[in-house]
Amino acid sequence: MSSKDSPGSKLSSGCGRDSERRANLQCCIGIACFIHDSSSSSREIIMSLESIYLKVEYV
């Protein structure tokens, strides 16, 4: 496993249970991309659907 995360490089990897890891993981499912940022106390999930961006914050 490499520490370097390249955009588009990790599609299947970094999804599901891997998202629980404390690191910046990008999960792309179809046209929806989920970015998990556990670097802060709150989890920020950015869902990119076509040209609509939804930001949900979990504290």
N, C-alpha and C. Protein backbone atom coordinates (compact mmCIF):
# COMPACT_ATOMS: atom_id res chain seq x y z
N MET A 1 0.84 -1.20 0.00
CA MET A 1 0.00 0.00 0.00
C MET A 1 0.87 1.24 0.00
N SER A 2 0.58 2.15 -0.91
CA SER A 2 1.38 3.36 -1.01
C SER A 2 0.72 4.50 -0.25
N SER A 3 1.53 5.36 0.33
CA SER A 3 0.99 6.50 1.07
C SER A 3 0.53 7.59 0.13
N LYS A 4 1.07 7.54 -1.10
CA LYS A 4 0.71 8.56 -2.09
C LYS A 4 -0.63 8.23 -2.73
N ASP A 5 -1.57 9.16 -2.61
CA ASP A 5 -2.89 8.95 -3.21
C ASP A 5 -3.04 9.81 -4.45
N SER A 6 -3.14 9.18 -5.61
CA SER A 6 -3.29 9.93 -6.85
C SER A 6 -4.76 9.98 -7.25
N PRO A 7 -5.22 11.15 -7.72
CA PRO A 7 -6.62 11.29 -8.13
C PRO A 7 -6.95 10.38 -9.30
N GLY A 8 -7.96 9.54 -9.14
CA GLY A 8 -8.34 8.65 -10.23
C GLY A 8 -7.57 7.35 -10.17
N SER A 9 -6.50 7.33 -9.38
CA SER A 9 -5.69 6.12 -9.28
C SER A 9 -6.37 5.09 -8.39
N LYS A 10 -6.96 5.59 -7.30
CA LYS A 10 -7.64 4.70 -6.37
C LYS A 10 -9.15 4.83 -6.54
N LEU A 11 -9.74 3.90 -7.25
CA LEU A 11 -11.19 3.93 -7.45
C LEU A 11 -11.85 2.90 -6.55
N SER A 12 -11.49 1.64 -6.75
CA SER A 12 -12.07 0.58 -5.92
C SER A 12 -11.43 0.60 -4.54
N SER A 13 -10.13 0.89 -4.53
CA SER A 13 -9.41 0.93 -3.27
C SER A 13 -9.74 2.21 -2.51
N GLY A 14 -9.83 2.11 -1.19
CA GLY A 14 -10.14 3.30 -0.40
C GLY A 14 -11.63 3.48 -0.23
N CYS A 15 -12.41 2.42 -0.54
CA CYS A 15 -13.86 2.50 -0.40
C CYS A 15 -14.33 1.57 0.71
N GLY A 16 -15.47 1.87 1.27
CA GLY A 16 -16.04 0.98 2.28
C GLY A 16 -15.30 1.06 3.60
N ARG A 17 -14.80 -0.09 4.07
CA ARG A 17 -14.15 -0.14 5.37
C ARG A 17 -12.86 0.66 5.38
N ASP A 18 -12.24 0.80 4.22
CA ASP A 18 -10.98 1.54 4.14
C ASP A 18 -11.20 3.02 4.46
N SER A 19 -12.44 3.47 4.28
CA SER A 19 -12.74 4.88 4.51
C SER A 19 -12.65 5.22 5.99
N GLU A 20 -12.67 4.18 6.83
CA GLU A 20 -12.59 4.41 8.26
C GLU A 20 -11.17 4.75 8.71
N ARG A 21 -10.24 4.53 7.80
CA ARG A 21 -8.85 4.84 8.13
C ARG A 21 -8.65 6.34 8.30
N ARG A 22 -7.74 6.71 9.19
CA ARG A 22 -7.50 8.12 9.44
C ARG A 22 -6.55 8.69 8.39
N ALA A 23 -7.10 8.93 7.23
CA ALA A 23 -6.31 9.47 6.12
C ALA A 23 -7.25 10.05 5.08
N ASN A 24 -6.69 10.80 4.14
CA ASN A 24 -7.52 11.39 3.09
C ASN A 24 -7.76 10.36 2.00
N LEU A 25 -8.98 9.82 1.98
CA LEU A 25 -9.31 8.79 1.00
C LEU A 25 -10.38 9.29 0.06
N GLN A 26 -10.22 8.98 -1.21
CA GLN A 26 -11.20 9.40 -2.20
C GLN A 26 -11.87 8.17 -2.80
N CYS A 27 -13.19 8.12 -2.67
CA CYS A 27 -13.93 6.98 -3.18
C CYS A 27 -14.86 7.44 -4.29
N CYS A 28 -14.69 6.90 -5.48
CA CYS A 28 -15.54 7.29 -6.60
C CYS A 28 -16.42 6.13 -7.02
N ILE A 29 -17.74 6.32 -6.89
CA ILE A 29 -18.68 5.29 -7.31
C ILE A 29 -19.53 5.85 -8.45
N GLY A 30 -19.29 5.40 -9.65
CA GLY A 30 -20.03 5.90 -10.81
C GLY A 30 -19.68 7.36 -11.05
N ILE A 31 -20.69 8.24 -10.92
CA ILE A 31 -20.42 9.67 -11.10
C ILE A 31 -20.38 10.37 -9.75
N ALA A 32 -20.49 9.58 -8.69
CA ALA A 32 -20.46 10.16 -7.35
C ALA A 32 -19.11 9.90 -6.70
N CYS A 33 -18.46 10.96 -6.25
CA CYS A 33 -17.16 10.82 -5.61
C CYS A 33 -17.25 11.21 -4.14
N PHE A 34 -16.82 10.32 -3.28
CA PHE A 34 -16.86 10.60 -1.86
C PHE A 34 -15.45 10.84 -1.34
N ILE A 35 -15.25 11.98 -0.72
CA ILE A 35 -13.93 12.28 -0.17
C ILE A 35 -14.02 12.28 1.36
N HIS A 36 -13.33 11.33 1.98
CA HIS A 36 -13.35 11.22 3.43
C HIS A 36 -12.11 11.89 4.02
N ASP A 37 -12.33 12.92 4.83
CA ASP A 37 -11.21 13.61 5.44
C ASP A 37 -11.29 13.45 6.96
N SER A 38 -10.46 12.59 7.49
CA SER A 38 -10.48 12.35 8.93
C SER A 38 -9.34 13.09 9.62
N SER A 39 -8.73 14.03 8.90
CA SER A 39 -7.61 14.77 9.48
C SER A 39 -8.12 15.70 10.57
N SER A 40 -9.39 16.10 10.50
CA SER A 40 -9.94 16.96 11.55
C SER A 40 -10.84 16.17 12.48
N SER A 41 -11.29 16.81 13.53
CA SER A 41 -12.16 16.14 14.49
C SER A 41 -13.48 15.76 13.85
N SER A 42 -13.95 16.62 12.94
CA SER A 42 -15.22 16.34 12.26
C SER A 42 -14.95 15.70 10.91
N ARG A 43 -15.84 14.80 10.52
CA ARG A 43 -15.67 14.12 9.25
C ARG A 43 -16.38 14.89 8.15
N GLU A 44 -15.65 15.23 7.11
CA GLU A 44 -16.24 15.97 6.00
C GLU A 44 -16.38 15.07 4.79
N ILE A 45 -17.61 14.89 4.35
CA ILE A 45 -17.85 14.05 3.18
C ILE A 45 -18.38 14.91 2.04
N ILE A 46 -17.64 14.97 0.95
CA ILE A 46 -18.05 15.78 -0.19
C ILE A 46 -18.55 14.87 -1.30
N MET A 47 -19.82 15.02 -1.65
CA MET A 47 -20.40 14.19 -2.68
C MET A 47 -20.53 14.98 -3.97
N SER A 48 -19.83 14.55 -5.00
CA SER A 48 -19.87 15.25 -6.28
C SER A 48 -20.77 14.49 -7.25
N LEU A 49 -21.93 15.05 -7.52
CA LEU A 49 -22.87 14.41 -8.43
C LEU A 49 -23.09 15.32 -9.63
N GLU A 50 -22.56 14.91 -10.79
CA GLU A 50 -22.60 15.71 -12.02
C GLU A 50 -22.01 17.09 -11.73
N SER A 51 -22.82 18.15 -11.67
CA SER A 51 -22.30 19.47 -11.32
C SER A 51 -22.87 19.96 -10.02
N ILE A 52 -23.41 19.03 -9.24
CA ILE A 52 -23.99 19.42 -7.95
C ILE A 52 -23.08 18.95 -6.82
N TYR A 53 -22.66 19.88 -5.98
CA TYR A 53 -21.77 19.53 -4.89
C TYR A 53 -22.51 19.62 -3.55
N LEU A 54 -22.52 18.52 -2.82
CA LEU A 54 -23.19 18.51 -1.52
C LEU A 54 -22.16 18.26 -0.44
N LYS A 55 -22.15 19.12 0.56
CA LYS A 55 -21.19 18.97 1.65
C LYS A 55 -21.91 18.64 2.95
N VAL A 56 -21.58 17.49 3.51
CA VAL A 56 -22.20 17.08 4.76
C VAL A 56 -21.13 16.93 5.83
N GLU A 57 -21.36 17.56 6.97
CA GLU A 57 -20.37 17.48 8.05
C GLU A 57 -20.92 16.68 9.22
N TYR A 58 -20.14 15.70 9.66
CA TYR A 58 -20.54 14.89 10.81
C TYR A 58 -19.63 15.21 11.99
N VAL A 59 -20.22 15.60 13.10
CA VAL A 59 -19.41 15.95 14.27
C VAL A 59 -19.51 14.84 15.31
